[in-house]
């Protein structure tokens, strides 16, 4: 893997994390009734899915 391959993977992971975060902000801004209708307002605050660990940074070694 070359230097630019790693950089491209990192940029893609950051892009995915940003899109997930923006989606969560949008869903959190909806009225509570709509959140409940779509299964989002169950009293939990979800987190970004761990994109960084998906690419091996900070995740279990293996």
Protein backbone atom coordinates (compact mmCIF):
# COMPACT_ATOMS: atom_id res chain seq x y z
CA UNK A 1 0.00 0.00 0.00
CA UNK A 2 1.43 3.31 -1.05
CA UNK A 3 1.29 6.54 0.84
CA UNK A 4 -1.54 7.90 -1.29
CA UNK A 5 -3.63 4.74 -0.86
CA UNK A 6 -3.53 5.20 2.89
CA UNK A 7 -4.34 8.87 2.58
CA UNK A 8 -7.29 8.11 0.30
CA UNK A 9 -8.63 5.54 2.77
CA UNK A 10 -8.29 8.02 5.61
CA UNK A 11 -10.08 10.74 3.61
CA UNK A 12 -12.90 8.30 2.74
CA UNK A 13 -13.27 7.34 6.41
CA UNK A 14 -13.44 10.99 7.44
CA UNK A 15 -16.01 11.72 4.74
CA UNK A 16 -18.17 8.79 5.89
CA UNK A 17 -17.94 9.88 9.53
CA UNK A 18 -18.93 13.45 8.60
CA UNK A 19 -21.95 12.25 6.60
CA UNK A 20 -23.05 10.00 9.48
CA UNK A 21 -22.67 12.85 11.97
CA UNK A 22 -24.66 15.25 9.80
CA UNK A 23 -27.40 12.63 9.39
CA UNK A 24 -27.58 12.18 13.15
CA UNK A 25 -27.85 15.93 13.65
CA UNK A 26 -30.68 16.07 11.13
CA UNK A 27 -32.57 13.19 12.76
CA UNK A 28 -32.04 14.67 16.23
CA UNK A 29 -33.53 17.97 15.03
CA UNK A 30 -36.81 16.32 13.98
CA UNK A 31 -39.81 16.61 16.30
CA UNK A 32 -39.99 13.84 18.90
CA UNK A 33 -43.16 12.36 17.37
CA UNK A 34 -41.44 11.88 14.01
CA UNK A 35 -38.33 10.47 15.67
CA UNK A 36 -40.49 7.88 17.41
CA UNK A 37 -42.31 7.03 14.16
CA UNK A 38 -39.04 6.22 12.42
CA UNK A 39 -37.51 4.47 15.43
CA UNK A 40 -34.97 7.15 16.22
CA UNK A 41 -36.34 8.79 19.36
CA UNK A 42 -36.04 5.83 21.70
CA UNK A 43 -34.17 7.85 24.29
CA UNK A 44 -30.76 6.81 23.03
CA UNK A 45 -28.16 8.91 21.39
CA UNK A 46 -26.36 6.82 18.83
CA UNK A 47 -22.74 7.40 17.96
CA UNK A 48 -20.85 7.33 14.72
CA UNK A 49 -20.38 3.69 13.81
CA UNK A 50 -16.66 3.55 14.38
CA UNK A 51 -15.40 4.28 10.89
CA UNK A 52 -11.90 4.82 12.21
CA UNK A 53 -11.73 1.34 13.74
CA UNK A 54 -13.11 -0.06 10.47
CA UNK A 55 -9.84 0.87 8.82
CA UNK A 56 -7.67 -0.47 11.63
CA UNK A 57 -6.91 2.75 13.50
CA UNK A 58 -7.62 2.33 17.16
CA UNK A 59 -9.40 -0.98 16.80
CA UNK A 60 -8.32 -4.43 17.90
CA UNK A 61 -5.16 -5.69 16.30
CA UNK A 62 -5.49 -8.87 14.33
